[in-house]
Amino acid sequence: MRPSLRQQLANFLRQRRRGRSFELFAMRTGISAATLCRLEACTTNFSAETLEQLCWAFNCTLADIFPYEFANPVLQPLPLVLPSQVQPVPLSQASLAERPV
């Protein structure tokens, strides 16, 4: 089962904290110890600002925080269709007359 975004963030924080106190970790990140504790426990939501602070503090990207999302994208890219591959569809006068306006 795919870990939630909260779980992925919590895992990232645990790995980066490496047993240090939340107070020391807070000084490094600029995020309060209480917020970091709640984020690691998956009991609060995070904001774009929080993610930005973490990326700045650890010189990392969102792909580092959410590796599953970037390694296994849910949406697959659509195949590229070149204009030369598109076949025109002829329209008859009858089909144009039946078209709703």
Protein backbone atom coordinates (compact mmCIF):
# COMPACT_ATOMS: atom_id res chain seq x y z
CA MET A 1 0.00 0.00 0.00
CA ARG A 2 1.23 3.48 -0.86
CA PRO A 3 2.23 5.61 2.16
CA SER A 4 0.26 8.81 2.57
CA LEU A 5 1.93 12.18 2.10
CA ARG A 6 1.85 12.66 5.88
CA GLN A 7 3.57 9.30 6.38
CA GLN A 8 6.21 10.12 3.79
CA LEU A 9 6.92 13.46 5.48
CA ALA A 10 7.06 11.77 8.90
CA ASN A 11 9.58 9.22 7.58
CA PHE A 12 11.70 12.01 6.11
CA LEU A 13 11.68 13.89 9.43
CA ARG A 14 12.60 10.78 11.44
CA GLN A 15 15.51 10.05 9.11
CA ARG A 16 16.79 13.62 9.28
CA ARG A 17 16.31 14.00 13.04
CA ARG A 18 18.30 10.82 13.79
CA GLY A 19 17.31 10.71 17.46
CA ARG A 20 18.16 14.36 18.16
CA SER A 21 15.76 16.31 20.34
CA PHE A 22 12.90 18.16 18.73
CA GLU A 23 14.31 21.40 20.19
CA LEU A 24 17.63 21.01 18.33
CA PHE A 25 15.79 19.96 15.21
CA ALA A 26 13.54 23.02 15.50
CA MET A 27 16.56 25.32 15.65
CA ARG A 28 17.90 23.77 12.45
CA THR A 29 14.63 24.00 10.52
CA GLY A 30 13.03 27.16 11.88
CA ILE A 31 9.87 25.18 12.61
CA SER A 32 8.64 24.90 16.20
CA ALA A 33 9.43 21.72 18.13
CA ALA A 34 5.71 21.17 18.77
CA THR A 35 4.90 21.36 15.06
CA LEU A 36 7.75 19.01 14.17
CA CYS A 37 6.53 16.55 16.80
CA ARG A 38 2.98 16.66 15.39
CA LEU A 39 4.26 16.29 11.81
CA GLU A 40 6.34 13.27 12.77
CA ALA A 41 3.33 11.74 14.56
CA CYS A 42 1.10 12.43 11.50
CA THR A 43 -1.39 14.34 13.66
CA THR A 44 -1.36 17.62 11.75
CA ASN A 45 -1.41 18.84 8.18
CA PHE A 46 1.56 20.57 6.61
CA SER A 47 1.66 23.68 4.49
CA ALA A 48 3.63 24.67 1.41
CA GLU A 49 5.55 27.07 3.66
CA THR A 50 6.56 24.20 5.96
CA LEU A 51 7.77 22.16 3.00
CA GLU A 52 9.70 25.15 1.70
CA GLN A 53 11.40 25.60 5.09
CA LEU A 54 12.38 21.93 5.19
CA CYS A 55 13.76 22.01 1.65
CA TRP A 56 15.79 25.09 2.50
CA ALA A 57 17.06 23.72 5.84
CA PHE A 58 18.18 20.40 4.36
CA ASN A 59 19.08 21.58 0.86
CA CYS A 60 16.71 19.03 -0.63
CA THR A 61 13.80 18.86 -3.04
CA LEU A 62 10.21 17.69 -2.73
CA ALA A 63 11.33 14.47 -4.43
CA ASP A 64 13.55 13.82 -1.40
CA ILE A 65 10.64 14.34 0.99
CA PHE A 66 8.06 12.47 -1.09
CA PRO A 67 10.11 9.84 -2.94
CA TYR A 68 7.15 7.61 -3.69
CA GLU A 69 5.25 10.37 -5.47
CA PHE A 70 8.13 11.09 -7.82
CA ALA A 71 9.23 7.49 -8.34
CA ASN A 72 5.73 6.17 -9.10
CA PRO A 73 3.62 8.95 -10.57
CA VAL A 74 -0.09 8.25 -10.54
CA LEU A 75 -0.63 9.96 -13.87
CA GLN A 76 1.23 8.57 -16.82
CA PRO A 77 2.18 10.92 -19.66
CA LEU A 78 -0.03 10.76 -22.70
CA PRO A 79 1.57 9.49 -25.91
CA LEU A 80 2.70 12.21 -28.26
CA VAL A 81 0.56 12.44 -31.41
CA LEU A 82 2.11 14.40 -34.22
CA PRO A 83 -0.11 16.40 -36.58
CA SER A 84 0.99 14.18 -39.46
CA GLN A 85 -0.46 11.16 -37.61
CA VAL A 86 -3.95 12.64 -37.19
CA GLN A 87 -6.46 11.52 -39.79
CA PRO A 88 -9.09 14.12 -40.75
CA VAL A 89 -12.70 13.05 -40.26
CA PRO A 90 -14.96 14.06 -43.17
CA LEU A 91 -18.16 15.79 -42.12
CA SER A 92 -21.23 15.29 -44.22
CA GLN A 93 -23.87 17.97 -44.65
CA ALA A 94 -26.32 15.75 -42.72
CA SER A 95 -24.06 15.51 -39.67
CA LEU A 96 -23.58 19.29 -39.64
CA ALA A 97 -27.34 19.85 -39.78
CA GLU A 98 -27.95 17.51 -36.81
CA ARG A 99 -25.36 19.20 -34.62
CA PRO A 100 -26.82 21.14 -31.68
CA VAL A 101 -26.00 24.82 -31.57
